Protein backbone atom coordinates (compact mmCIF):
# COMPACT_ATOMS: atom_id res chain seq x y z
CA UNK A 1 -5.55 4.89 19.01
CA UNK A 2 -6.75 8.30 17.89
CA UNK A 3 -10.34 8.49 16.71
CA UNK A 4 -9.66 11.32 14.23
CA UNK A 5 -6.58 11.96 12.09
CA UNK A 6 -4.77 15.26 11.49
CA UNK A 7 -3.27 16.68 8.30
CA UNK A 8 0.47 16.25 7.95
CA UNK A 9 0.80 18.20 4.68
CA UNK A 10 -1.01 21.19 3.25
CA UNK A 11 -4.05 20.42 1.09
CA UNK A 12 -3.24 19.84 -2.61
CA UNK A 13 0.51 19.65 -2.10
CA UNK A 14 0.01 16.39 -4.00
CA UNK A 15 -2.34 15.86 -6.94
CA UNK A 16 -5.55 13.85 -6.71
CA UNK A 17 -3.43 10.89 -7.81
CA UNK A 18 -1.70 10.75 -4.42
CA UNK A 19 -1.05 7.14 -3.46
CA UNK A 20 1.47 4.64 -2.17
CA UNK A 21 2.69 6.05 1.15
CA UNK A 22 5.79 4.35 2.54
CA UNK A 23 8.28 5.36 5.22
CA UNK A 24 12.05 5.01 5.19
CA UNK A 25 14.06 4.09 8.26
CA UNK A 26 14.50 7.78 9.16
CA UNK A 27 10.73 8.25 9.29
CA UNK A 28 10.28 10.28 6.10
CA UNK A 29 7.08 9.54 4.17
CA UNK A 30 7.06 9.11 0.38
CA UNK A 31 4.03 9.29 -1.90
CA UNK A 32 3.43 9.55 -5.64
CA UNK A 33 2.37 12.62 -7.64
CA UNK A 34 3.90 15.42 -5.59
CA UNK A 35 2.76 18.73 -7.13
CA UNK A 36 2.33 17.04 -10.52
CA UNK A 37 2.09 13.57 -12.06
CA UNK A 38 5.05 11.23 -12.59
CA UNK A 39 6.84 12.33 -9.43
CA UNK A 40 7.64 11.04 -5.94
CA UNK A 41 7.38 13.42 -3.01
CA UNK A 42 9.25 13.24 0.28
CA UNK A 43 7.65 14.52 3.49
CA UNK A 44 9.53 14.80 6.78
CA UNK A 45 7.93 13.71 10.07
CA UNK A 46 7.30 17.43 10.70
CA UNK A 47 5.31 17.73 7.47
CA UNK A 48 7.82 19.51 5.24
CA UNK A 49 7.40 18.31 1.65
CA UNK A 50 9.79 18.35 -1.30
CA UNK A 51 10.25 16.74 -4.69
CA UNK A 52 12.29 13.56 -4.29
CA UNK A 53 12.23 11.97 -7.72
CA UNK A 54 11.05 12.40 -11.30
CA UNK A 55 9.92 9.10 -12.79
CA UNK A 56 11.09 8.00 -16.25
CA UNK A 57 9.03 9.01 -19.27
CA UNK A 58 5.92 6.85 -19.54
CA UNK A 59 6.02 5.74 -15.89
CA UNK A 60 3.14 6.43 -13.48
CA UNK A 61 3.62 5.48 -9.87
CA UNK A 62 1.02 3.93 -7.59
CA UNK A 63 2.15 1.83 -4.62
CA UNK A 64 5.50 2.40 -2.90
CA UNK A 65 7.20 -0.16 -0.63
CA UNK A 66 10.66 -0.51 0.88
CA UNK A 67 12.56 -3.74 1.27
CA UNK A 68 14.67 -4.51 4.34
CA UNK A 69 17.79 -3.21 2.60
CA UNK A 70 16.21 0.22 2.21
CA UNK A 71 15.57 0.20 -1.53
CA UNK A 72 12.35 1.79 -2.74
CA UNK A 73 10.03 -0.16 -5.05
CA UNK A 74 7.32 1.58 -7.08
CA UNK A 75 4.39 -0.04 -8.88
CA UNK A 76 4.47 1.63 -12.31
CA UNK A 77 0.97 0.88 -13.55
CA UNK A 78 1.26 2.50 -16.97
CA UNK A 79 4.55 0.71 -17.64
CA UNK A 80 3.32 -2.71 -16.42
CA UNK A 81 6.41 -2.99 -14.24
CA UNK A 82 7.90 -2.46 -10.82
CA UNK A 83 10.72 0.05 -10.51
CA UNK A 84 13.56 -0.10 -7.99
CA UNK A 85 15.22 3.03 -6.62
CA UNK A 86 18.65 3.27 -4.98
CA UNK A 87 17.97 5.80 -2.23
CA UNK A 88 21.57 7.04 -2.14
CA UNK A 89 22.05 7.70 -5.85
CA UNK A 90 18.36 7.95 -6.87
CA UNK A 91 19.19 5.64 -9.75
CA UNK A 92 16.05 3.95 -11.12
CA UNK A 93 16.11 0.42 -12.52
CA UNK A 94 13.45 -2.08 -13.58
CA UNK A 95 12.96 -4.78 -10.96
CA UNK A 96 10.13 -6.65 -12.69
CA UNK A 97 8.29 -6.18 -15.98
CA UNK A 98 5.21 -8.13 -17.02
CA UNK A 99 3.28 -7.02 -20.14
CA UNK A 100 0.44 -9.41 -19.25
CA UNK A 101 -0.44 -7.32 -16.20
CA UNK A 102 -3.38 -4.93 -16.43
CA UNK A 103 -1.41 -2.82 -13.99
CA UNK A 104 0.64 -3.55 -10.88
CA UNK A 105 -1.47 -1.61 -8.40
CA UNK A 106 -0.45 -2.37 -4.82
CA UNK A 107 2.48 -4.32 -3.40
CA UNK A 108 3.30 -6.46 -0.38
CA UNK A 109 6.67 -7.96 0.53
CA UNK A 110 7.96 -10.64 2.90
CA UNK A 111 11.22 -10.59 4.85
CA UNK A 112 12.91 -12.81 2.27
CA UNK A 113 11.69 -10.45 -0.48
CA UNK A 114 8.95 -12.47 -2.03
CA UNK A 115 6.60 -9.87 -3.49
CA UNK A 116 2.87 -9.95 -4.15
CA UNK A 117 1.05 -7.56 -6.49
CA UNK A 118 -2.62 -6.84 -7.04
CA UNK A 119 -3.67 -6.39 -10.66
CA UNK A 120 -7.13 -4.86 -11.21
CA UNK A 121 -8.96 -4.33 -14.48
CA UNK A 122 -11.17 -1.37 -13.62
CA UNK A 123 -13.13 -1.37 -16.89
CA UNK A 124 -14.15 -5.02 -16.58
CA UNK A 125 -14.53 -4.99 -12.80
CA UNK A 126 -12.21 -7.93 -12.20
CA UNK A 127 -8.61 -8.59 -11.24
CA UNK A 128 -5.71 -10.94 -10.68
CA UNK A 129 -3.00 -11.74 -8.16
CA UNK A 130 0.74 -12.13 -8.88
CA UNK A 131 3.79 -13.36 -6.98
CA UNK A 132 7.19 -11.87 -7.82
CA UNK A 133 10.41 -13.54 -6.77
CA UNK A 134 13.54 -11.78 -5.43
CA UNK A 135 15.01 -11.80 -8.94
CA UNK A 136 11.91 -10.16 -10.46
CA UNK A 137 10.30 -13.24 -12.05
CA UNK A 138 6.50 -12.89 -12.17
CA UNK A 139 4.05 -15.75 -11.57
CA UNK A 140 0.29 -15.45 -12.00
CA UNK A 141 -1.39 -16.93 -8.91
CA UNK A 142 -5.08 -16.28 -9.46
CA UNK A 143 -7.48 -14.86 -12.08
CA UNK A 144 -11.20 -14.15 -12.06
CA UNK A 145 -11.16 -12.15 -8.86
CA UNK A 146 -12.91 -8.85 -8.24
CA UNK A 147 -11.03 -5.55 -8.61
CA UNK A 148 -7.96 -6.55 -6.61
CA UNK A 149 -6.40 -3.59 -4.84
CA UNK A 150 -5.04 -3.49 -1.27
CA UNK A 151 -2.66 -6.32 -0.41
CA UNK A 152 -0.63 -7.16 2.69
CA UNK A 153 1.24 -9.93 4.48
CA UNK A 154 0.60 -10.56 8.17
CA UNK A 155 3.32 -9.95 10.75
CA UNK A 156 3.97 -13.69 11.22
CA UNK A 157 3.97 -14.10 7.41
CA UNK A 158 1.48 -16.95 7.58
CA UNK A 159 -1.34 -14.99 5.93
CA UNK A 160 -1.83 -12.93 2.77
CA UNK A 161 -4.72 -10.46 2.61
CA UNK A 162 -6.12 -9.17 -0.70
CA UNK A 163 -9.10 -6.86 -1.04
CA UNK A 164 -11.45 -6.06 -3.93
CA UNK A 165 -12.47 -2.42 -4.23
CA UNK A 166 -15.78 -2.64 -6.05
CA UNK A 167 -16.92 -5.89 -4.38
CA UNK A 168 -15.92 -4.54 -0.92
CA UNK A 169 -14.44 -7.88 0.15
CA UNK A 170 -11.18 -8.85 1.85
CA UNK A 171 -9.85 -12.34 1.15
CA UNK A 172 -7.48 -14.28 3.36
CA UNK A 173 -4.97 -16.91 2.17
CA UNK A 174 -2.63 -19.18 4.07
CA UNK A 175 1.03 -18.59 3.21
CA UNK A 176 3.40 -21.55 3.29
CA UNK A 177 7.09 -21.34 4.18
CA UNK A 178 7.76 -21.24 0.42
CA UNK A 179 5.27 -18.35 0.17
CA UNK A 180 2.72 -20.40 -1.76
CA UNK A 181 -0.94 -19.46 -1.22
CA UNK A 182 -3.80 -21.77 -0.23
CA UNK A 183 -7.02 -22.11 1.76
CA UNK A 184 -8.63 -18.95 0.39
CA UNK A 185 -11.59 -17.74 2.44
CA UNK A 186 -13.57 -14.55 3.00
CA UNK A 187 -12.06 -12.46 5.78
CA UNK A 188 -14.51 -9.53 5.82
CA UNK A 189 -17.17 -7.96 3.58
CA UNK A 190 -18.33 -4.37 3.90
CA UNK A 191 -21.88 -3.29 3.07
CA UNK A 192 -20.94 0.06 1.52
CA UNK A 193 -18.15 2.24 0.14
CA UNK A 194 -15.01 1.03 -1.60
CA UNK A 195 -11.75 -0.41 -0.34
CA UNK A 196 -8.22 0.65 -1.21
CA UNK A 197 -4.81 0.15 0.43
CA UNK A 198 -4.19 -2.05 3.50
CA UNK A 199 -1.51 -2.63 6.12
CA UNK A 200 -1.13 -4.92 9.14
CA UNK A 201 0.23 -4.09 12.57
CA UNK A 202 2.49 -6.30 14.68
CA UNK A 203 -0.50 -7.83 16.49
CA UNK A 204 -2.09 -8.98 13.24
CA UNK A 205 -4.78 -6.29 12.97
CA UNK A 206 -5.64 -5.15 9.44
CA UNK A 207 -5.98 -1.44 8.59
CA UNK A 208 -7.94 -0.78 5.40
CA UNK A 209 -8.82 2.54 3.75
CA UNK A 210 -12.56 3.04 3.13
CA UNK A 211 -12.55 4.98 -0.15
CA UNK A 212 -15.54 7.34 -0.25
CA UNK A 213 -16.28 7.05 3.45
CA UNK A 214 -13.13 8.79 4.60
CA UNK A 215 -12.13 6.36 7.32
CA UNK A 216 -9.51 3.74 8.07
CA UNK A 217 -11.20 0.59 9.37
CA UNK A 218 -9.34 -1.67 11.79
CA UNK A 219 -10.11 -5.40 11.74
CA UNK A 220 -8.87 -7.95 14.26
CA UNK A 221 -7.04 -11.10 13.04
CA UNK A 222 -10.35 -12.91 13.57
CA UNK A 223 -12.12 -10.59 11.13
CA UNK A 224 -13.98 -8.44 13.66
CA UNK A 225 -14.34 -4.70 13.03
CA UNK A 226 -12.79 -3.16 16.14
CA UNK A 227 -12.77 0.51 15.14
CA UNK A 228 -12.62 3.23 12.50
CA UNK A 229 -10.52 6.38 12.37
CA UNK A 230 -12.15 9.41 10.74
CA UNK A 231 -10.17 11.40 8.17
CA UNK A 232 -10.52 14.99 6.97
CA UNK A 233 -10.96 13.87 3.37
CA UNK A 234 -13.22 11.18 1.95
CA UNK A 235 -11.20 9.56 -0.86
CA UNK A 236 -8.47 7.80 1.13
CA UNK A 237 -6.21 5.72 -1.10
CA UNK A 238 -3.59 3.98 1.02
CA UNK A 239 -1.99 3.69 4.44
CA UNK A 240 1.39 2.94 6.01
CA UNK A 241 3.18 3.01 9.37
CA UNK A 242 6.26 4.91 10.53
CA UNK A 243 7.56 7.29 13.14
CA UNK A 244 10.16 6.68 15.80
CA UNK A 245 8.15 3.82 17.34
CA UNK A 246 6.22 2.61 14.30
CA UNK A 247 2.92 3.76 15.79
CA UNK A 248 2.23 6.69 13.50
CA UNK A 249 -0.16 5.78 10.71
CA UNK A 250 0.00 7.84 7.51
CA UNK A 251 -2.88 7.99 5.02
CA UNK A 252 -2.93 9.43 1.49
CA UNK A 253 -6.18 11.24 0.61
CA UNK A 254 -7.06 12.02 -3.01
CA UNK A 255 -9.77 14.66 -2.67
CA UNK A 256 -7.57 16.85 -0.44
CA UNK A 257 -4.26 15.97 -2.12
CA UNK A 258 -2.72 15.57 1.31
CA UNK A 259 -1.21 13.09 3.76
CA UNK A 260 -2.93 12.68 7.11
CA UNK A 261 -1.69 10.89 10.22
CA UNK A 262 -2.92 9.37 13.44
CA UNK A 263 -1.38 7.49 16.33
CA UNK A 264 -2.00 3.81 17.02
CA UNK A 265 -1.51 1.58 20.05
CA UNK A 266 0.53 -1.03 18.14
CA UNK A 267 3.40 -0.59 15.69
CA UNK A 268 2.95 -1.46 12.03
CA UNK A 269 4.42 -4.48 10.30
CA UNK A 270 6.07 -2.42 7.54
CA UNK A 271 7.97 -0.46 10.21
CA UNK A 272 8.94 -3.70 11.96
CA UNK A 273 10.62 -4.97 8.77
CA UNK A 274 13.45 -2.55 9.53
CA UNK A 275 14.13 -4.24 12.87
């Protein structure tokens, strides 16, 4: 694994609201707020960026994820909903809408398309956790958490990870075959800086962005810090995997308005969902 990342895009090609990187099966990277707010940008593996999509009026994108069928899902935090995009027609529909949400912030998805969403309340410093079924029905799983942010399912789909930005903690839940959560316990707690987006690789390691520190920390499945990758910017917001072999890690960075990348030894789970 590289110890330092490189810039994939030019600085400030995205706004400071850059978030939600996700790769399609061709290896293109998508992130929100390309050039201006309320947009989705598309970046080729070579780093060539373009406007992919204008979001509907009132929608503000955050996390982006793809399902196994290749549809794009966007957490629209100002609309309290999750949008679904047909990649061929670029038609946008509402997959799930839940007015009780503070904001759907980050998303995770299983192979059978059970979704999980973090739901922080930044002003009050707390958050919640939701499960969303394949038909878009929303179920509140937990309240009274810290500022829930990064969220991910392990490669074997037996574990759900949820982090809290301000409290700097990562929680670990068991996932049943029916995708019910249980046995919550502390996975890792950092002494400084904030946490943002997370992803797992195929070996079960957890990659988490250290917002303010400008690194991506790598934790083993046992909760041991095994390494950190230094970024050019400090305010890293989220991370994903792609590339021809799934071993290119892409990071969105707010203070530079750019996407960075580094190579890993193990392919990412989100890339493996295509296989």
